[in-house]
Amino acid sequence: MSKTTSREIRLISRPKGIPTAANFTLARIELAPPQDGQVLVHNRYMSVDPYMRGRMNSGKSYVPPFDNVGGEALEAALSALRVHGRIIACGGISGYNDEKPRPGPSNLFNITTKRLTMKGLMVFDWLDRQAEFEKEVGGYFKAGKVKHKETVVKGIDQAVGAFLGLFRGQNVGKMVVELG
């Protein structure tokens, strides 16, 4: 069996602030044929996610699955929530590129006056319920009761631009790269 040529995106320098295309390169590699007990996988799609930005720093990072709370969005939520409202924090894309931590929201005292609850969420905290989730939500999805939107960009050569677009709001829903 002959070798397989593949392409991959590589981080060639750690971003300071917002990443740029200069932080990445597209490399061509030769893959050896799979050995006994191995398989060769051909990926059709690649996800680009805000959490990837944190993995580019030199320090320890984490892997949050989503982003919907942070920065101005959190400040707006603290103002808009009713008494006894709840916030689930599962990311903070607005601050992922900051070189220094930002000061907190100016209206943080609303947590006290409105008796709000704020809790962090990491998807792997709930992996023991994944099968239950897939069964319930999968049924809703198949029945057309769950709608989703995504942005699909074609070609691995566009992957860096797709990733950078996350920080400019150029996606609707999930950002996916179709590899071909």
N, C-alpha and C. Protein backbone atom coordinates (compact mmCIF):
# COMPACT_ATOMS: atom_id res chain seq x y z
N MET A 1 0.86 -1.19 0.00
CA MET A 1 0.00 0.00 0.00
C MET A 1 0.90 1.24 0.00
N SER A 2 0.55 2.22 -0.80
CA SER A 2 1.36 3.43 -0.90
C SER A 2 1.02 4.41 0.23
N LYS A 3 1.88 5.41 0.38
CA LYS A 3 1.65 6.44 1.40
C LYS A 3 0.53 7.36 0.95
N THR A 4 -0.12 7.95 1.93
CA THR A 4 -1.22 8.88 1.70
C THR A 4 -0.74 10.29 2.01
N THR A 5 -1.05 11.23 1.13
CA THR A 5 -0.73 12.63 1.38
C THR A 5 -1.92 13.28 2.08
N SER A 6 -1.62 14.05 3.11
CA SER A 6 -2.65 14.75 3.86
C SER A 6 -2.21 16.18 4.10
N ARG A 7 -3.16 17.01 4.50
CA ARG A 7 -2.84 18.40 4.85
C ARG A 7 -3.36 18.68 6.25
N GLU A 8 -2.64 19.54 6.98
CA GLU A 8 -3.04 19.88 8.34
C GLU A 8 -2.71 21.33 8.64
N ILE A 9 -3.50 21.92 9.50
CA ILE A 9 -3.24 23.29 9.96
C ILE A 9 -2.34 23.18 11.18
N ARG A 10 -1.26 23.96 11.18
CA ARG A 10 -0.33 23.95 12.32
C ARG A 10 -0.23 25.35 12.92
N LEU A 11 -0.15 25.38 14.24
CA LEU A 11 0.11 26.63 14.95
C LEU A 11 1.63 26.83 14.93
N ILE A 12 2.10 27.92 14.32
CA ILE A 12 3.54 28.14 14.22
C ILE A 12 4.05 29.21 15.19
N SER A 13 3.10 29.98 15.78
CA SER A 13 3.49 30.95 16.81
C SER A 13 2.28 31.19 17.70
N ARG A 14 2.56 31.47 18.97
CA ARG A 14 1.48 31.71 19.92
C ARG A 14 0.94 33.13 19.73
N PRO A 15 -0.38 33.26 19.54
CA PRO A 15 -0.95 34.59 19.34
C PRO A 15 -0.81 35.46 20.59
N LYS A 16 -0.65 36.73 20.36
CA LYS A 16 -0.71 37.73 21.42
C LYS A 16 -1.95 38.56 21.08
N GLY A 17 -2.98 38.41 21.88
CA GLY A 17 -4.24 39.06 21.54
C GLY A 17 -4.99 38.24 20.50
N ILE A 18 -5.62 38.93 19.57
CA ILE A 18 -6.40 38.24 18.53
C ILE A 18 -5.46 37.51 17.58
N PRO A 19 -5.71 36.22 17.32
CA PRO A 19 -4.87 35.50 16.38
C PRO A 19 -4.94 36.10 14.98
N THR A 20 -3.90 35.89 14.21
CA THR A 20 -3.88 36.31 12.81
C THR A 20 -3.48 35.11 11.97
N ALA A 21 -3.64 35.23 10.67
CA ALA A 21 -3.25 34.14 9.77
C ALA A 21 -1.77 33.82 9.89
N ALA A 22 -0.96 34.80 10.29
CA ALA A 22 0.49 34.58 10.43
C ALA A 22 0.83 33.60 11.55
N ASN A 23 -0.12 33.31 12.44
CA ASN A 23 0.12 32.35 13.53
C ASN A 23 -0.02 30.90 13.06
N PHE A 24 -0.44 30.68 11.82
CA PHE A 24 -0.74 29.34 11.33
C PHE A 24 -0.06 29.06 10.00
N THR A 25 0.06 27.79 9.71
CA THR A 25 0.51 27.39 8.38
C THR A 25 -0.25 26.13 7.97
N LEU A 26 -0.40 25.96 6.66
CA LEU A 26 -1.00 24.76 6.11
C LEU A 26 0.14 23.87 5.65
N ALA A 27 0.25 22.69 6.26
CA ALA A 27 1.36 21.79 5.95
C ALA A 27 0.85 20.55 5.23
N ARG A 28 1.67 20.04 4.35
CA ARG A 28 1.38 18.80 3.62
C ARG A 28 2.26 17.71 4.25
N ILE A 29 1.65 16.58 4.59
CA ILE A 29 2.39 15.49 5.21
C ILE A 29 2.11 14.18 4.50
N GLU A 30 3.04 13.26 4.64
CA GLU A 30 2.88 11.91 4.10
C GLU A 30 2.55 10.97 5.25
N LEU A 31 1.47 10.22 5.13
CA LEU A 31 1.08 9.26 6.16
C LEU A 31 1.51 7.87 5.74
N ALA A 32 2.10 7.17 6.67
CA ALA A 32 2.48 5.78 6.40
C ALA A 32 1.21 4.93 6.32
N PRO A 33 1.25 3.83 5.59
CA PRO A 33 0.07 2.95 5.54
C PRO A 33 -0.26 2.45 6.94
N PRO A 34 -1.54 2.23 7.22
CA PRO A 34 -1.91 1.71 8.54
C PRO A 34 -1.32 0.32 8.77
N GLN A 35 -0.92 0.10 10.00
CA GLN A 35 -0.38 -1.21 10.39
C GLN A 35 -1.54 -2.10 10.85
N ASP A 36 -1.24 -3.36 11.14
CA ASP A 36 -2.26 -4.27 11.64
C ASP A 36 -2.92 -3.66 12.89
N GLY A 37 -4.24 -3.69 12.93
CA GLY A 37 -4.97 -3.15 14.07
C GLY A 37 -5.20 -1.64 13.99
N GLN A 38 -4.75 -0.99 12.91
CA GLN A 38 -4.96 0.44 12.72
C GLN A 38 -5.88 0.67 11.53
N VAL A 39 -6.52 1.83 11.51
CA VAL A 39 -7.35 2.23 10.39
C VAL A 39 -6.96 3.63 9.96
N LEU A 40 -7.20 3.95 8.72
CA LEU A 40 -6.97 5.29 8.20
C LEU A 40 -8.33 5.96 8.08
N VAL A 41 -8.50 7.10 8.71
CA VAL A 41 -9.77 7.82 8.72
C VAL A 41 -9.68 9.00 7.77
N HIS A 42 -10.69 9.16 6.94
CA HIS A 42 -10.79 10.31 6.05
C HIS A 42 -11.86 11.22 6.63
N ASN A 43 -11.44 12.33 7.20
CA ASN A 43 -12.39 13.29 7.78
C ASN A 43 -13.04 14.10 6.67
N ARG A 44 -14.33 14.27 6.78
CA ARG A 44 -15.06 15.07 5.80
C ARG A 44 -15.30 16.49 6.30
N TYR A 45 -15.38 16.66 7.61
CA TYR A 45 -15.64 17.96 8.20
C TYR A 45 -14.71 18.19 9.38
N MET A 46 -14.46 19.46 9.66
CA MET A 46 -13.66 19.84 10.81
C MET A 46 -14.38 20.99 11.51
N SER A 47 -14.50 20.90 12.80
CA SER A 47 -15.12 21.96 13.58
C SER A 47 -14.05 22.97 13.99
N VAL A 48 -14.38 24.25 13.92
CA VAL A 48 -13.52 25.27 14.52
C VAL A 48 -14.34 25.92 15.63
N ASP A 49 -13.73 26.04 16.79
CA ASP A 49 -14.46 26.46 17.98
C ASP A 49 -13.68 27.49 18.77
N PRO A 50 -14.38 28.38 19.47
CA PRO A 50 -13.69 29.41 20.25
C PRO A 50 -12.74 28.85 21.30
N TYR A 51 -13.05 27.67 21.88
CA TYR A 51 -12.17 27.11 22.91
C TYR A 51 -10.75 26.91 22.40
N MET A 52 -10.61 26.72 21.08
CA MET A 52 -9.28 26.48 20.51
C MET A 52 -8.32 27.63 20.81
N ARG A 53 -8.87 28.85 20.95
CA ARG A 53 -8.01 30.01 21.22
C ARG A 53 -7.27 29.81 22.55
N GLY A 54 -7.96 29.34 23.57
CA GLY A 54 -7.32 29.11 24.86
C GLY A 54 -6.22 28.07 24.79
N ARG A 55 -6.35 27.10 23.90
CA ARG A 55 -5.34 26.05 23.76
C ARG A 55 -4.07 26.56 23.11
N MET A 56 -4.10 27.76 22.55
CA MET A 56 -2.94 28.33 21.88
C MET A 56 -2.01 29.09 22.83
N ASN A 57 -2.48 29.33 24.05
CA ASN A 57 -1.65 30.00 25.03
C ASN A 57 -0.62 29.01 25.58
N SER A 58 0.45 29.52 26.15
CA SER A 58 1.49 28.63 26.66
C SER A 58 1.11 27.99 27.98
N GLY A 59 0.16 28.54 28.71
CA GLY A 59 -0.25 27.99 30.00
C GLY A 59 -1.23 26.86 29.85
N LYS A 60 -1.67 26.32 30.99
CA LYS A 60 -2.66 25.26 31.02
C LYS A 60 -3.97 25.79 30.45
N SER A 61 -4.66 24.98 29.66
CA SER A 61 -5.93 25.41 29.08
C SER A 61 -7.01 24.39 29.38
N TYR A 62 -8.20 24.70 29.01
CA TYR A 62 -9.34 23.83 29.24
C TYR A 62 -10.13 23.71 27.95
N VAL A 63 -11.14 22.86 27.96
CA VAL A 63 -11.89 22.59 26.73
C VAL A 63 -13.39 22.83 26.94
N PRO A 64 -13.84 24.08 26.91
CA PRO A 64 -15.27 24.31 27.01
C PRO A 64 -15.94 24.03 25.67
N PRO A 65 -17.17 23.54 25.68
CA PRO A 65 -17.81 23.18 24.41
C PRO A 65 -18.50 24.32 23.70
N PHE A 66 -19.02 25.30 24.44
CA PHE A 66 -19.80 26.37 23.83
C PHE A 66 -19.38 27.71 24.37
N ASP A 67 -20.01 28.77 23.84
CA ASP A 67 -19.82 30.09 24.41
C ASP A 67 -21.11 30.86 24.30
N ASN A 68 -21.56 31.40 25.39
CA ASN A 68 -22.73 32.27 25.31
C ASN A 68 -22.79 33.26 26.46
N VAL A 69 -21.80 33.30 27.32
CA VAL A 69 -21.81 34.23 28.43
C VAL A 69 -20.41 34.81 28.58
N GLY A 70 -20.33 36.10 28.66
CA GLY A 70 -19.06 36.76 28.89
C GLY A 70 -19.09 38.17 28.35
N GLY A 71 -18.21 39.01 28.87
CA GLY A 71 -18.07 40.37 28.39
C GLY A 71 -19.37 41.14 28.43
N GLU A 72 -19.65 41.84 27.34
CA GLU A 72 -20.85 42.67 27.26
C GLU A 72 -22.13 41.84 27.38
N ALA A 73 -22.10 40.58 26.89
CA ALA A 73 -23.29 39.73 26.99
C ALA A 73 -23.64 39.46 28.45
N LEU A 74 -22.63 39.21 29.27
CA LEU A 74 -22.88 38.97 30.70
C LEU A 74 -23.41 40.23 31.37
N GLU A 75 -22.81 41.36 31.06
CA GLU A 75 -23.27 42.62 31.66
C GLU A 75 -24.72 42.90 31.27
N ALA A 76 -25.07 42.67 30.01
CA ALA A 76 -26.46 42.86 29.57
C ALA A 76 -27.40 41.89 30.27
N ALA A 77 -26.97 40.65 30.43
CA ALA A 77 -27.80 39.65 31.10
C ALA A 77 -28.04 40.03 32.55
N LEU A 78 -27.01 40.52 33.23
CA LEU A 78 -27.17 40.92 34.63
C LEU A 78 -28.18 42.05 34.78
N SER A 79 -28.27 42.91 33.78
CA SER A 79 -29.25 44.00 33.80
C SER A 79 -30.65 43.50 33.46
N ALA A 80 -30.75 42.57 32.53
CA ALA A 80 -32.06 42.15 32.02
C ALA A 80 -32.75 41.07 32.85
N LEU A 81 -31.99 40.30 33.59
CA LEU A 81 -32.59 39.18 34.32
C LEU A 81 -33.58 39.64 35.37
N ARG A 82 -34.60 38.81 35.58
CA ARG A 82 -35.57 39.07 36.63
C ARG A 82 -35.04 38.55 37.96
N VAL A 83 -35.73 38.89 39.03
CA VAL A 83 -35.37 38.40 40.37
C VAL A 83 -35.36 36.87 40.34
N HIS A 84 -34.34 36.29 40.95
CA HIS A 84 -34.12 34.84 41.04
C HIS A 84 -33.77 34.22 39.67
N GLY A 85 -33.31 35.04 38.74
CA GLY A 85 -32.88 34.52 37.44
C GLY A 85 -31.63 33.65 37.58
N ARG A 86 -31.35 32.87 36.54
CA ARG A 86 -30.21 31.96 36.56
C ARG A 86 -29.34 32.16 35.32
N ILE A 87 -28.04 32.07 35.52
CA ILE A 87 -27.07 32.18 34.43
C ILE A 87 -26.24 30.91 34.41
N ILE A 88 -26.13 30.30 33.26
CA ILE A 88 -25.21 29.18 33.07
C ILE A 88 -24.06 29.71 32.23
N ALA A 89 -22.87 29.70 32.78
CA ALA A 89 -21.69 30.22 32.08
C ALA A 89 -20.91 29.04 31.50
N CYS A 90 -20.74 29.09 30.18
CA CYS A 90 -20.02 27.99 29.52
C CYS A 90 -19.03 28.51 28.49
N GLY A 91 -18.45 29.63 28.75
CA GLY A 91 -17.44 30.20 27.86
C GLY A 91 -17.40 31.70 28.00
N GLY A 92 -16.57 32.32 27.22
CA GLY A 92 -16.43 33.77 27.26
C GLY A 92 -15.62 34.27 26.09
N ILE A 93 -16.09 34.02 24.87
CA ILE A 93 -15.32 34.32 23.66
C ILE A 93 -14.85 35.76 23.61
N SER A 94 -15.61 36.66 24.20
CA SER A 94 -15.23 38.07 24.12
C SER A 94 -13.89 38.35 24.78
N GLY A 95 -13.46 37.49 25.69
CA GLY A 95 -12.19 37.71 26.36
C GLY A 95 -11.09 36.72 26.01
N TYR A 96 -11.35 35.79 25.10
CA TYR A 96 -10.37 34.75 24.79
C TYR A 96 -9.06 35.32 24.24
N ASN A 97 -9.13 36.46 23.56
CA ASN A 97 -7.94 37.02 22.93
C ASN A 97 -7.27 38.09 23.77
N ASP A 98 -7.81 38.37 24.94
CA ASP A 98 -7.21 39.39 25.80
C ASP A 98 -5.88 38.91 26.35
N GLU A 99 -4.90 39.78 26.34
CA GLU A 99 -3.60 39.43 26.89
C GLU A 99 -3.59 39.54 28.41
N LYS A 100 -4.48 40.36 28.96
CA LYS A 100 -4.63 40.52 30.41
C LYS A 100 -6.10 40.34 30.76
N PRO A 101 -6.39 39.82 31.95
CA PRO A 101 -7.80 39.66 32.33
C PRO A 101 -8.52 41.00 32.35
N ARG A 102 -9.77 40.97 31.93
CA ARG A 102 -10.61 42.16 31.94
C ARG A 102 -11.20 42.36 33.33
N PRO A 103 -11.51 43.60 33.67
CA PRO A 103 -12.27 43.81 34.91
C PRO A 103 -13.67 43.24 34.72
N GLY A 104 -14.29 42.86 35.81
CA GLY A 104 -15.62 42.26 35.75
C GLY A 104 -16.69 43.24 35.32
N PRO A 105 -17.92 42.76 35.14
CA PRO A 105 -19.01 43.63 34.75
C PRO A 105 -19.22 44.74 35.77
N SER A 106 -19.63 45.91 35.31
CA SER A 106 -19.83 47.04 36.20
C SER A 106 -21.08 46.88 37.06
N ASN A 107 -21.96 45.96 36.69
CA ASN A 107 -23.22 45.77 37.41
C ASN A 107 -23.27 44.43 38.15
N LEU A 108 -22.13 43.94 38.59
CA LEU A 108 -22.05 42.65 39.27
C LEU A 108 -22.92 42.61 40.53
N PHE A 109 -23.15 43.76 41.14
CA PHE A 109 -23.98 43.81 42.35
C PHE A 109 -25.41 43.35 42.08
N ASN A 110 -25.83 43.33 40.82
CA ASN A 110 -27.16 42.81 40.47
C ASN A 110 -27.33 41.36 40.89
N ILE A 111 -26.24 40.62 40.98
CA ILE A 111 -26.33 39.24 41.45
C ILE A 111 -26.93 39.21 42.85
N THR A 112 -26.55 40.18 43.67
CA THR A 112 -27.07 40.26 45.03
C THR A 112 -28.48 40.83 45.06
N THR A 113 -28.68 41.99 44.44
CA THR A 113 -29.98 42.66 44.55
C THR A 113 -31.10 41.88 43.88
N LYS A 114 -30.79 41.12 42.82
CA LYS A 114 -31.81 40.33 42.14
C LYS A 114 -31.82 38.87 42.60
N ARG A 115 -30.91 38.55 43.55
CA ARG A 115 -30.78 37.18 44.06
C ARG A 115 -30.60 36.17 42.93
N LEU A 116 -29.65 36.48 42.06
CA LEU A 116 -29.37 35.65 40.88
C LEU A 116 -28.49 34.46 41.24
N THR A 117 -28.56 33.44 40.41
CA THR A 117 -27.68 32.27 40.54
C THR A 117 -26.85 32.18 39.28
N MET A 118 -25.55 32.01 39.44
CA MET A 118 -24.64 31.87 38.30
C MET A 118 -23.80 30.62 38.52
N LYS A 119 -23.78 29.75 37.52
CA LYS A 119 -23.07 28.48 37.65
C LYS A 119 -22.30 28.19 36.38
N GLY A 120 -21.08 27.71 36.53
CA GLY A 120 -20.27 27.30 35.40
C GLY A 120 -20.66 25.92 34.91
N LEU A 121 -20.48 25.68 33.62
CA LEU A 121 -20.82 24.39 33.02
C LEU A 121 -19.70 23.94 32.10
N MET A 122 -19.29 22.71 32.26
CA MET A 122 -18.35 22.07 31.34
C MET A 122 -19.05 20.81 30.84
N VAL A 123 -19.06 20.59 29.54
CA VAL A 123 -19.83 19.49 28.98
C VAL A 123 -19.40 18.15 29.56
N PHE A 124 -18.12 17.98 29.87
CA PHE A 124 -17.68 16.68 30.36
C PHE A 124 -18.17 16.40 31.78
N ASP A 125 -18.76 17.39 32.46
CA ASP A 125 -19.40 17.14 33.75
C ASP A 125 -20.65 16.28 33.60
N TRP A 126 -21.17 16.20 32.37
CA TRP A 126 -22.45 15.54 32.13
C TRP A 126 -22.33 14.33 31.20
N LEU A 127 -21.14 13.84 30.98
CA LEU A 127 -20.95 12.73 30.04
C LEU A 127 -21.70 11.47 30.46
N ASP A 128 -21.94 11.31 31.75
CA ASP A 128 -22.68 10.14 32.21
C ASP A 128 -24.14 10.16 31.75
N ARG A 129 -24.61 11.32 31.26
CA ARG A 129 -25.99 11.43 30.78
C ARG A 129 -26.06 11.60 29.27
N GLN A 130 -24.94 11.37 28.57
CA GLN A 130 -24.91 11.58 27.13
C GLN A 130 -25.91 10.69 26.39
N ALA A 131 -25.96 9.43 26.73
CA ALA A 131 -26.87 8.51 26.03
C ALA A 131 -28.33 8.95 26.22
N GLU A 132 -28.67 9.37 27.43
CA GLU A 132 -30.02 9.86 27.71
C GLU A 132 -30.33 11.11 26.88
N PHE A 133 -29.35 12.01 26.81
CA PHE A 133 -29.52 13.24 26.02
C PHE A 133 -29.72 12.90 24.54
N GLU A 134 -28.86 12.03 24.00
CA GLU A 134 -28.94 11.69 22.58
C GLU A 134 -30.29 11.04 22.25
N LYS A 135 -30.78 10.22 23.15
CA LYS A 135 -32.07 9.56 22.90
C LYS A 135 -33.20 10.60 22.89
N GLU A 136 -33.23 11.47 23.90
CA GLU A 136 -34.31 12.45 23.99
C GLU A 136 -34.22 13.51 22.90
N VAL A 137 -33.08 14.16 22.78
CA VAL A 137 -32.94 15.25 21.82
C VAL A 137 -32.89 14.71 20.39
N GLY A 138 -32.30 13.54 20.21
CA GLY A 138 -32.27 12.93 18.88
C GLY A 138 -33.67 12.71 18.33
N GLY A 139 -34.58 12.31 19.20
CA GLY A 139 -35.97 12.14 18.78
C GLY A 139 -36.60 13.46 18.36
N TYR A 140 -36.33 14.51 19.13
CA TYR A 140 -36.84 15.84 18.77
C TYR A 140 -36.26 16.29 17.44
N PHE A 141 -34.96 16.03 17.26
CA PHE A 141 -34.28 16.45 16.03
C PHE A 141 -34.88 15.73 14.82
N LYS A 142 -35.03 14.42 14.93
CA LYS A 142 -35.60 13.63 13.82
C LYS A 142 -37.03 14.06 13.51
N ALA A 143 -37.75 14.49 14.52
CA ALA A 143 -39.14 14.92 14.34
C ALA A 143 -39.23 16.36 13.82
N GLY A 144 -38.09 17.01 13.66
CA GLY A 144 -38.07 18.37 13.16
C GLY A 144 -38.41 19.42 14.20
N LYS A 145 -38.36 19.05 15.48
CA LYS A 145 -38.70 19.98 16.56
C LYS A 145 -37.49 20.79 17.03
N VAL A 146 -36.30 20.37 16.65
CA VAL A 146 -35.07 21.10 17.00
C VAL A 146 -34.50 21.67 15.71
N LYS A 147 -34.34 22.95 15.68
CA LYS A 147 -33.77 23.63 14.50
C LYS A 147 -32.35 24.05 14.83
N HIS A 148 -31.48 24.01 13.85
CA HIS A 148 -30.11 24.46 14.05
C HIS A 148 -29.64 25.24 12.83
N LYS A 149 -28.69 26.10 13.07
CA LYS A 149 -28.06 26.85 11.99
C LYS A 149 -26.57 26.64 12.10
N GLU A 150 -25.91 26.63 10.97
CA GLU A 150 -24.46 26.46 10.97
C GLU A 150 -23.88 27.23 9.80
N THR A 151 -22.61 27.53 9.93
CA THR A 151 -21.87 28.17 8.85
C THR A 151 -20.87 27.14 8.35
N VAL A 152 -20.91 26.82 7.07
CA VAL A 152 -20.00 25.84 6.48
C VAL A 152 -19.08 26.56 5.51
N VAL A 153 -17.78 26.39 5.73
CA VAL A 153 -16.75 26.96 4.87
C VAL A 153 -16.10 25.79 4.15
N LYS A 154 -15.86 25.92 2.86
CA LYS A 154 -15.32 24.80 2.07
C LYS A 154 -13.81 24.88 1.90
N GLY A 155 -13.14 23.79 2.28
CA GLY A 155 -11.71 23.63 2.05
C GLY A 155 -10.84 23.91 3.26
N ILE A 156 -9.90 23.00 3.50
CA ILE A 156 -9.00 23.17 4.64
C ILE A 156 -8.17 24.44 4.51
N ASP A 157 -7.94 24.87 3.29
CA ASP A 157 -7.18 26.12 3.10
C ASP A 157 -7.96 27.33 3.60
N GLN A 158 -9.25 27.17 3.89
CA GLN A 158 -10.07 28.26 4.44
C GLN A 158 -10.29 28.11 5.96
N ALA A 159 -9.69 27.08 6.57
CA ALA A 159 -9.93 26.79 7.98
C ALA A 159 -9.45 27.91 8.90
N VAL A 160 -8.28 28.48 8.62
CA VAL A 160 -7.77 29.56 9.47
C VAL A 160 -8.71 30.76 9.40
N GLY A 161 -9.14 31.12 8.21
CA GLY A 161 -10.07 32.23 8.06
C GLY A 161 -11.39 31.96 8.78
N ALA A 162 -11.85 30.71 8.74
CA ALA A 162 -13.08 30.35 9.45
C ALA A 162 -12.88 30.52 10.96
N PHE A 163 -11.74 30.07 11.46
CA PHE A 163 -11.45 30.21 12.89
C PHE A 163 -11.40 31.68 13.29
N LEU A 164 -10.68 32.47 12.52
CA LEU A 164 -10.56 33.90 12.83
C LEU A 164 -11.92 34.58 12.73
N GLY A 165 -12.78 34.10 11.84
CA GLY A 165 -14.11 34.66 11.69
C GLY A 165 -14.99 34.51 12.92
N LEU A 166 -14.68 33.50 13.75
CA LEU A 166 -15.43 33.33 14.99
C LEU A 166 -15.34 34.57 15.87
N PHE A 167 -14.18 35.21 15.86
CA PHE A 167 -13.94 36.36 16.73
C PHE A 167 -14.42 37.67 16.11
N ARG A 168 -14.90 37.58 14.88
CA ARG A 168 -15.46 38.76 14.20
C ARG A 168 -16.96 38.60 13.97
N GLY A 169 -17.53 37.53 14.53
CA GLY A 169 -18.97 37.32 14.39
C GLY A 169 -19.39 36.94 12.99
N GLN A 170 -18.53 36.25 12.24
CA GLN A 170 -18.84 35.90 10.85
C GLN A 170 -19.55 34.56 10.70
N ASN A 171 -20.00 34.00 11.81
CA ASN A 171 -20.70 32.73 11.73
C ASN A 171 -22.09 32.86 12.33
N VAL A 172 -22.97 32.00 11.84
CA VAL A 172 -24.28 31.83 12.43
C VAL A 172 -24.30 30.39 12.92
N GLY A 173 -24.44 30.19 14.22
CA GLY A 173 -24.40 28.85 14.77
C GLY A 173 -22.99 28.27 14.73
N LYS A 174 -22.91 27.00 14.58
CA LYS A 174 -21.65 26.27 14.56
C LYS A 174 -20.86 26.61 13.30
N MET A 175 -19.54 26.77 13.45
CA MET A 175 -18.64 27.01 12.31
C MET A 175 -17.98 25.68 11.96
N VAL A 176 -18.16 25.25 10.72
CA VAL A 176 -17.66 23.96 10.26
C VAL A 176 -16.90 24.15 8.96
N VAL A 177 -15.81 23.42 8.83
CA VAL A 177 -15.04 23.43 7.58
C VAL A 177 -15.26 22.10 6.87
N GLU A 178 -15.77 22.18 5.64
CA GLU A 178 -15.94 20.97 4.82
C GLU A 178 -14.60 20.69 4.16
N LEU A 179 -14.03 19.54 4.48
CA LEU A 179 -12.68 19.21 4.02
C LEU A 179 -12.66 18.63 2.61
N GLY A 180 -13.74 18.06 2.18
CA GLY A 180 -13.79 17.53 0.83
C GLY A 180 -13.55 16.07 0.73
